[in-house]
Amino acid sequence: MGTKLSVQVTANFERNLNSIERFLTEADLVGQFDDLLEELLENVIPTLEQFPDIGRHFFCEPAQSAESRNARRKLQLRLQDATVHEYLTKDYLLLYARYSDAVCLLSIKHHKQLSFSIE
């Protein structure tokens, strides 16, 4: 079996977690945030450490608007030598960058939230 990669959390991912916590609190679903943290720590992160290419390649799907094409181009330039993947859980979609020596969690959204914002 290959070497485990480190999984790093970006500031944007942390902001997304704060947004999800507010979203769930407003929906009176506070316990679900604890479930999310448990899922990340016990399943998602260990899986990405062992199988960093498990997620679908984000840039394989065509952009549907000029805005999304521009945002994708900026992201590709910013991340340069990384591949960007999508990772789906029951209720969440994560974006992560796969480098040769690490995985960086970029963004996470609950499926009921509207859109991604990668700053």
Protein backbone atom coordinates (compact mmCIF):
# COMPACT_ATOMS: atom_id res chain seq x y z
CA MET A 1 0.00 0.00 0.00
CA GLY A 2 1.27 3.53 -0.83
CA THR A 3 2.37 6.25 1.51
CA LYS A 4 -0.34 8.27 3.22
CA LEU A 5 -0.61 11.86 2.08
CA SER A 6 -1.24 14.65 4.54
CA VAL A 7 -4.65 16.29 4.35
CA GLN A 8 -4.64 20.03 4.95
CA VAL A 9 -7.56 22.35 5.60
CA THR A 10 -7.59 25.73 3.87
CA ALA A 11 -8.93 28.93 5.41
CA ASN A 12 -11.76 28.87 2.87
CA PHE A 13 -12.74 25.35 3.99
CA GLU A 14 -12.84 26.58 7.60
CA ARG A 15 -15.06 29.51 6.55
CA ASN A 16 -17.33 27.03 4.77
CA LEU A 17 -17.57 24.93 7.94
CA ASN A 18 -18.58 28.05 9.89
CA SER A 19 -21.21 28.81 7.25
CA ILE A 20 -22.55 25.25 7.43
CA GLU A 21 -22.71 25.47 11.22
CA ARG A 22 -24.76 28.71 10.95
CA PHE A 23 -26.95 27.15 8.24
CA LEU A 24 -27.69 24.08 10.38
CA THR A 25 -28.22 26.16 13.53
CA GLU A 26 -30.77 28.35 11.72
CA ALA A 27 -32.51 25.19 10.51
CA ASP A 28 -32.51 23.86 14.11
CA LEU A 29 -30.26 20.95 13.10
CA VAL A 30 -27.30 21.61 15.39
CA GLY A 31 -26.55 17.91 15.97
CA GLN A 32 -25.92 17.45 12.27
CA PHE A 33 -22.85 19.68 12.47
CA ASP A 34 -21.31 17.30 15.00
CA ASP A 35 -22.16 14.45 12.62
CA LEU A 36 -20.36 16.31 9.82
CA LEU A 37 -17.22 16.80 11.90
CA GLU A 38 -17.26 13.12 12.86
CA GLU A 39 -17.70 12.12 9.20
CA LEU A 40 -14.77 14.32 8.17
CA LEU A 41 -12.45 13.04 10.89
CA GLU A 42 -13.38 9.37 10.81
CA ASN A 43 -14.12 8.77 7.13
CA VAL A 44 -13.34 11.53 4.65
CA ILE A 45 -9.85 12.51 5.78
CA PRO A 46 -8.60 8.92 6.29
CA THR A 47 -9.99 7.97 2.86
CA LEU A 48 -8.25 10.90 1.16
CA GLU A 49 -5.00 10.10 2.96
CA GLN A 50 -5.05 6.59 1.48
CA PHE A 51 -6.85 7.20 -1.83
CA PRO A 52 -6.28 10.84 -2.86
CA ASP A 53 -7.52 10.29 -6.42
CA ILE A 54 -10.87 8.84 -5.37
CA GLY A 55 -12.91 11.94 -6.23
CA ARG A 56 -14.18 12.86 -9.67
CA HIS A 57 -12.01 15.33 -11.57
CA PHE A 58 -13.67 18.74 -11.22
CA PHE A 59 -12.49 20.19 -14.53
CA CYS A 60 -13.71 17.24 -16.64
CA GLU A 61 -17.23 18.61 -16.77
CA PRO A 62 -17.75 21.57 -19.12
CA ALA A 63 -18.53 24.97 -17.62
CA GLN A 64 -22.10 26.06 -18.27
CA SER A 65 -21.65 29.84 -18.15
CA ALA A 66 -19.08 32.54 -18.82
CA GLU A 67 -18.86 33.23 -15.09
CA SER A 68 -18.10 29.63 -14.25
CA ARG A 69 -15.52 29.41 -17.07
CA ASN A 70 -13.76 32.49 -15.67
CA ALA A 71 -13.87 31.18 -12.10
CA ARG A 72 -12.54 27.79 -13.20
CA ARG A 73 -9.72 29.40 -15.19
CA LYS A 74 -8.70 31.49 -12.17
CA LEU A 75 -8.77 28.40 -9.95
CA GLN A 76 -6.65 26.42 -12.41
CA LEU A 77 -4.08 29.21 -12.58
CA ARG A 78 -4.00 29.55 -8.81
CA LEU A 79 -3.58 25.84 -8.13
CA GLN A 80 -1.22 25.26 -11.09
CA ASP A 81 0.18 21.76 -10.60
CA ALA A 82 -2.72 20.35 -8.59
CA THR A 83 -5.71 18.42 -9.82
CA VAL A 84 -9.07 19.42 -8.37
CA HIS A 85 -11.50 16.69 -7.35
CA GLU A 86 -15.05 16.46 -6.05
CA TYR A 87 -15.82 14.19 -3.10
CA LEU A 88 -19.44 13.39 -2.30
CA THR A 89 -20.84 12.29 1.02
CA LYS A 90 -24.48 11.76 1.91
CA ASP A 91 -25.20 15.46 2.43
CA TYR A 92 -22.04 17.31 1.37
CA LEU A 93 -19.93 18.08 -1.67
CA LEU A 94 -16.25 18.78 -1.06
CA LEU A 95 -13.69 20.19 -3.45
CA TYR A 96 -10.07 19.31 -2.84
CA ALA A 97 -6.75 19.88 -4.54
CA ARG A 98 -4.56 16.85 -5.06
CA TYR A 99 -0.83 17.61 -5.08
CA SER A 100 1.93 15.01 -5.34
CA ASP A 101 2.57 15.15 -1.59
CA ALA A 102 -0.65 16.46 -0.03
CA VAL A 103 -4.38 16.94 -0.31
CA CYS A 104 -5.84 20.39 0.43
CA LEU A 105 -9.51 20.65 1.33
CA LEU A 106 -10.74 23.71 -0.60
CA SER A 107 -14.47 23.95 -0.11
CA ILE A 108 -17.48 22.15 1.36
CA LYS A 109 -21.19 22.77 0.95
CA HIS A 110 -24.30 21.10 2.23
CA HIS A 111 -26.35 19.95 -0.75
CA LYS A 112 -29.11 22.39 0.26
CA GLN A 113 -26.78 25.40 0.17
CA LEU A 114 -26.76 27.34 -3.07
CA SER A 115 -23.26 27.63 -4.53
CA PHE A 116 -19.50 27.33 -4.07
CA SER A 117 -17.28 30.28 -3.36
CA ILE A 118 -13.53 29.67 -3.48
CA GLU A 119 -11.68 32.77 -2.39
